[in-house]
Amino acid sequence: MTNLHFFSLSLLAVVTLTVTINGIHPINVYDFDNRAGSSAGYVRFNREIGVPYARQTLITATYDIWRWFEQYSAAQRKDINRLVLILENFPDSQVQVPPYATTNEIHLNGRYIASYSGDVKREITGVLYHELTHVLQWNGNGRAPGWLIEGIADYVRLRSGYIPSNWVKPGGGDSFYKEYDVTARFLDYCTGLRSNFVAELNKKLRPTGYVDDYFRQLLGKTVYQLWDDYKRTYAG
């Protein structure tokens, strides 16, 4: 059952959606908070994306990420009851700074949206998949390396189908440590070796810490051997 509570954004900056999922609802409320006023970023967001689309994208992405992470019950997921999408204008010097996520918030840069050249709706859809992954994924209690955390988030974006045209091609990059699209492509290769690889890797990040040996435990080879295999596969 879905209960919608709509308010005019000119009167109230928060739109709330209450979602009940088969009686189990780790995320009960999806909120939108406009802190960008009537700026160009807000105007473009409202015209080309819109709160209803962004909200529905987050709901769909939540289901997708839980499925891809094989988190089929509330006990397997993070205990998050409320997610807030915040539109704000980052400082003038940070026009191109991308969004970021905290424990239960996703912050969109209004200046980035205003200045983006291209299909901004498609771009932000991919961004929401990436940033929502940070909200939902396990991170070794903050001790997992950044390259892996960002790589998993971009792997989810890759699976969503909303990736930029300037992403590295499969087999590209100098190291799996490069983060983002390079690591995402490598994780996608690993998933070809074991279909639930990223899900199992994410499960291993639920306790504290991370070790490279997780790759060997799941795929029988070290991460360095797997990277060499990956490079050779696409070089051929």
Protein backbone atom coordinates (compact mmCIF):
# COMPACT_ATOMS: atom_id res chain seq x y z
CA MET A 1 0.00 0.00 0.00
CA THR A 2 1.36 3.43 -0.91
CA ASN A 3 0.27 6.66 0.76
CA LEU A 4 1.17 9.87 -1.05
CA HIS A 5 1.32 13.23 0.64
CA PHE A 6 1.71 16.05 -1.90
CA PHE A 7 2.34 19.70 -1.15
CA SER A 8 3.00 22.57 -3.54
CA LEU A 9 6.74 23.19 -3.61
CA SER A 10 6.06 26.91 -3.61
CA LEU A 11 4.48 26.46 -0.18
CA LEU A 12 6.48 23.59 1.26
CA ALA A 13 9.88 22.29 0.17
CA VAL A 14 9.34 18.76 1.37
CA VAL A 15 7.40 16.10 -0.49
CA THR A 16 6.81 12.92 1.46
CA LEU A 17 6.08 9.43 0.25
CA THR A 18 5.28 6.63 2.67
CA VAL A 19 5.96 3.18 1.29
CA THR A 20 5.04 -0.15 2.82
CA ILE A 21 6.75 -3.12 1.19
CA ASN A 22 5.01 -6.41 1.91
CA GLY A 23 4.82 -5.48 5.57
CA ILE A 24 8.59 -4.91 5.75
CA HIS A 25 9.66 -1.33 5.18
CA PRO A 26 13.25 -0.40 6.15
CA ILE A 27 12.72 2.84 4.21
CA ASN A 28 9.34 4.26 5.17
CA VAL A 29 9.67 7.80 3.89
CA TYR A 30 11.30 9.39 0.85
CA ASP A 31 11.58 13.17 1.27
CA PHE A 32 12.61 15.96 -1.09
CA ASP A 33 14.12 19.12 0.38
CA ASN A 34 14.66 22.13 -1.89
CA ARG A 35 17.44 24.31 -0.49
CA ALA A 36 18.27 25.88 -3.85
CA GLY A 37 15.39 28.34 -3.77
CA SER A 38 14.26 29.46 -7.22
CA SER A 39 17.79 29.25 -8.67
CA ALA A 40 18.59 28.07 -12.21
CA GLY A 41 19.44 24.63 -10.83
CA TYR A 42 16.04 24.26 -9.22
CA VAL A 43 14.23 25.58 -12.29
CA ARG A 44 15.96 23.04 -14.54
CA PHE A 45 15.50 20.23 -12.04
CA ASN A 46 11.80 20.99 -11.78
CA ARG A 47 11.37 21.35 -15.56
CA GLU A 48 13.43 18.40 -16.84
CA ILE A 49 13.45 15.93 -13.93
CA GLY A 50 10.81 16.75 -11.35
CA VAL A 51 10.19 15.52 -7.83
CA PRO A 52 7.76 12.70 -8.78
CA TYR A 53 10.29 11.21 -11.24
CA ALA A 54 13.20 11.53 -8.82
CA ARG A 55 11.15 9.94 -6.04
CA GLN A 56 10.01 7.05 -8.23
CA THR A 57 13.57 6.53 -9.44
CA LEU A 58 14.75 6.22 -5.84
CA ILE A 59 12.02 3.70 -5.04
CA THR A 60 12.83 1.63 -8.14
CA ALA A 61 16.56 1.88 -7.43
CA THR A 62 16.02 0.74 -3.85
CA TYR A 63 14.35 -2.45 -5.05
CA ASP A 64 17.01 -2.97 -7.74
CA ILE A 65 19.91 -2.55 -5.33
CA TRP A 66 18.37 -4.85 -2.73
CA ARG A 67 17.90 -7.46 -5.45
CA TRP A 68 21.40 -7.07 -6.89
CA PHE A 69 22.87 -7.24 -3.37
CA GLU A 70 20.64 -10.25 -2.59
CA GLN A 71 19.16 -8.48 0.40
CA TYR A 72 15.75 -10.07 0.46
CA SER A 73 14.83 -9.35 4.08
CA ALA A 74 15.07 -6.39 6.42
CA ALA A 75 17.64 -8.25 8.53
CA GLN A 76 20.06 -8.25 5.57
CA ARG A 77 19.77 -4.51 4.94
CA LYS A 78 20.84 -1.34 6.64
CA ASP A 79 18.31 -0.01 9.12
CA ILE A 80 17.26 3.15 7.29
CA ASN A 81 13.74 4.47 7.82
CA ARG A 82 13.93 7.76 5.95
CA LEU A 83 15.78 8.90 2.84
CA VAL A 84 16.10 12.59 1.97
CA LEU A 85 16.96 13.93 -1.48
CA ILE A 86 18.35 17.43 -1.02
CA LEU A 87 18.80 19.95 -3.83
CA GLU A 88 21.21 22.71 -2.91
CA ASN A 89 23.67 25.04 -4.59
CA PHE A 90 27.24 24.14 -3.79
CA PRO A 91 29.69 27.10 -3.59
CA ASP A 92 30.53 28.96 -6.82
CA SER A 93 33.94 27.27 -6.90
CA GLN A 94 32.24 23.84 -6.91
CA VAL A 95 30.03 24.11 -9.98
CA GLN A 96 31.25 20.75 -11.31
CA VAL A 97 31.42 18.99 -7.97
CA PRO A 98 29.18 15.89 -8.17
CA PRO A 99 26.52 14.90 -5.63
CA TYR A 100 27.36 13.09 -2.43
CA ALA A 101 25.59 10.84 0.05
CA THR A 102 25.55 10.57 3.82
CA THR A 103 23.89 8.05 6.11
CA ASN A 104 20.40 8.72 4.78
CA GLU A 105 20.75 11.79 2.54
CA ILE A 106 21.60 12.37 -1.10
CA HIS A 107 22.77 15.89 -1.91
CA LEU A 108 22.37 17.14 -5.49
CA ASN A 109 24.35 20.14 -6.71
CA GLY A 110 21.95 22.65 -8.27
CA ARG A 111 24.81 24.42 -10.01
CA TYR A 112 25.90 21.16 -11.61
CA ILE A 113 22.37 20.53 -12.87
CA ALA A 114 22.08 24.08 -14.26
CA SER A 115 25.37 23.85 -16.14
CA TYR A 116 25.15 20.23 -17.35
CA SER A 117 25.34 19.92 -21.13
CA GLY A 118 23.19 17.07 -22.37
CA ASP A 119 20.33 14.92 -21.13
CA VAL A 120 20.29 15.99 -17.49
CA LYS A 121 17.39 13.66 -16.62
CA ARG A 122 19.38 10.63 -17.73
CA GLU A 123 22.49 11.91 -15.96
CA ILE A 124 20.72 12.44 -12.64
CA THR A 125 19.00 9.06 -12.91
CA GLY A 126 22.42 7.41 -13.04
CA VAL A 127 23.65 9.65 -10.25
CA LEU A 128 20.75 8.61 -8.02
CA TYR A 129 21.57 4.93 -8.54
CA HIS A 130 25.21 5.62 -7.65
CA GLU A 131 24.52 7.73 -4.58
CA LEU A 132 21.72 5.50 -3.28
CA THR A 133 24.18 2.61 -3.42
CA HIS A 134 26.37 4.50 -0.95
CA VAL A 135 23.37 4.79 1.37
CA LEU A 136 22.51 1.09 1.16
CA GLN A 137 25.85 -0.71 0.73
CA TRP A 138 28.03 -2.13 3.51
CA ASN A 139 31.44 -0.49 3.85
CA GLY A 140 33.37 -2.47 6.42
CA ASN A 141 32.28 -0.03 9.12
CA GLY A 142 33.99 2.77 7.21
CA ARG A 143 37.23 0.83 6.69
CA ALA A 144 36.69 -0.49 3.17
CA PRO A 145 38.91 1.27 0.59
CA GLY A 146 37.47 4.13 -1.43
CA TRP A 147 38.28 2.49 -4.76
CA LEU A 148 36.03 -0.46 -3.90
CA ILE A 149 33.19 1.59 -2.43
CA GLU A 150 33.08 3.90 -5.46
CA GLY A 151 33.58 0.98 -7.82
CA ILE A 152 30.59 -0.88 -6.41
CA ALA A 153 28.44 2.26 -6.65
CA ASP A 154 29.42 2.71 -10.29
CA TYR A 155 28.88 -1.02 -10.91
CA VAL A 156 25.29 -0.48 -9.77
CA ARG A 157 25.05 2.51 -12.09
CA LEU A 158 26.37 0.31 -14.90
CA ARG A 159 23.70 -2.30 -14.18
CA SER A 160 21.04 0.38 -14.19
CA GLY A 161 21.99 1.29 -17.77
CA TYR A 162 22.33 5.01 -17.03
CA ILE A 163 26.03 5.60 -17.65
CA PRO A 164 27.71 8.54 -19.40
CA SER A 165 29.13 8.15 -22.90
CA ASN A 166 32.60 9.10 -21.68
CA TRP A 167 32.98 6.10 -19.40
CA VAL A 168 36.03 3.89 -19.92
CA LYS A 169 35.35 0.93 -22.20
CA PRO A 170 35.55 -2.68 -20.93
CA GLY A 171 39.20 -3.58 -20.41
CA GLY A 172 40.24 0.04 -19.97
CA GLY A 173 42.20 1.58 -17.14
CA ASP A 174 45.60 1.03 -15.56
CA SER A 175 44.54 -0.53 -12.27
CA PHE A 176 41.49 -1.73 -10.37
CA TYR A 177 42.46 0.97 -7.85
CA LYS A 178 41.35 3.68 -10.29
CA GLU A 179 37.86 3.72 -8.76
CA TYR A 180 34.57 4.63 -10.38
CA ASP A 181 34.07 3.40 -13.96
CA VAL A 182 37.39 1.52 -14.20
CA THR A 183 36.66 -0.49 -11.07
CA ALA A 184 33.02 -0.90 -12.10
CA ARG A 185 34.05 -2.49 -15.40
CA PHE A 186 36.41 -4.81 -13.53
CA LEU A 187 33.69 -5.82 -11.07
CA ASP A 188 31.39 -6.47 -14.01
CA TYR A 189 34.04 -8.84 -15.42
CA CYS A 190 34.23 -10.59 -12.03
CA THR A 191 30.45 -10.95 -12.07
CA GLY A 192 30.82 -12.80 -15.35
CA LEU A 193 32.88 -15.36 -13.44
CA ARG A 194 30.38 -15.59 -10.58
CA SER A 195 26.93 -14.13 -11.08
CA ASN A 196 26.46 -12.97 -7.49
CA PHE A 197 30.04 -11.81 -6.96
CA VAL A 198 29.26 -8.20 -6.01
CA ALA A 199 26.44 -9.32 -3.72
CA GLU A 200 28.78 -11.71 -1.91
CA LEU A 201 31.52 -9.09 -1.76
CA ASN A 202 29.09 -6.60 -0.26
CA LYS A 203 28.07 -9.15 2.37
CA LYS A 204 31.73 -9.56 3.35
CA LEU A 205 31.90 -5.81 3.95
CA ARG A 206 29.18 -5.92 6.60
CA PRO A 207 31.63 -6.60 9.46
CA THR A 208 34.56 -4.29 10.06
CA GLY A 209 37.43 -4.08 7.62
CA TYR A 210 38.40 -5.31 4.17
CA VAL A 211 41.15 -7.54 2.79
CA ASP A 212 42.10 -8.19 -0.84
CA ASP A 213 41.80 -11.89 -0.08
CA TYR A 214 38.02 -11.58 -0.42
CA PHE A 215 38.56 -11.83 -4.19
CA ARG A 216 40.47 -15.10 -3.82
CA GLN A 217 37.86 -16.46 -1.42
CA LEU A 218 35.08 -15.78 -3.92
CA LEU A 219 36.81 -16.43 -7.25
CA GLY A 220 39.84 -18.59 -6.46
CA LYS A 221 42.39 -16.03 -7.66
CA THR A 222 43.97 -12.95 -6.17
CA VAL A 223 42.64 -9.57 -7.21
CA TYR A 224 45.92 -8.98 -9.08
CA GLN A 225 45.59 -12.24 -11.03
CA LEU A 226 41.99 -11.38 -11.84
CA TRP A 227 43.00 -7.93 -13.07
CA ASP A 228 45.67 -9.46 -15.31
CA ASP A 229 43.09 -11.92 -16.69
CA TYR A 230 40.67 -9.05 -17.25
CA LYS A 231 43.23 -7.03 -19.19
CA ARG A 232 44.27 -10.02 -21.29
CA THR A 233 40.64 -10.88 -22.06
CA TYR A 234 39.95 -7.51 -23.62
CA ALA A 235 43.41 -7.08 -25.14
CA GLY A 236 42.70 -10.21 -27.16
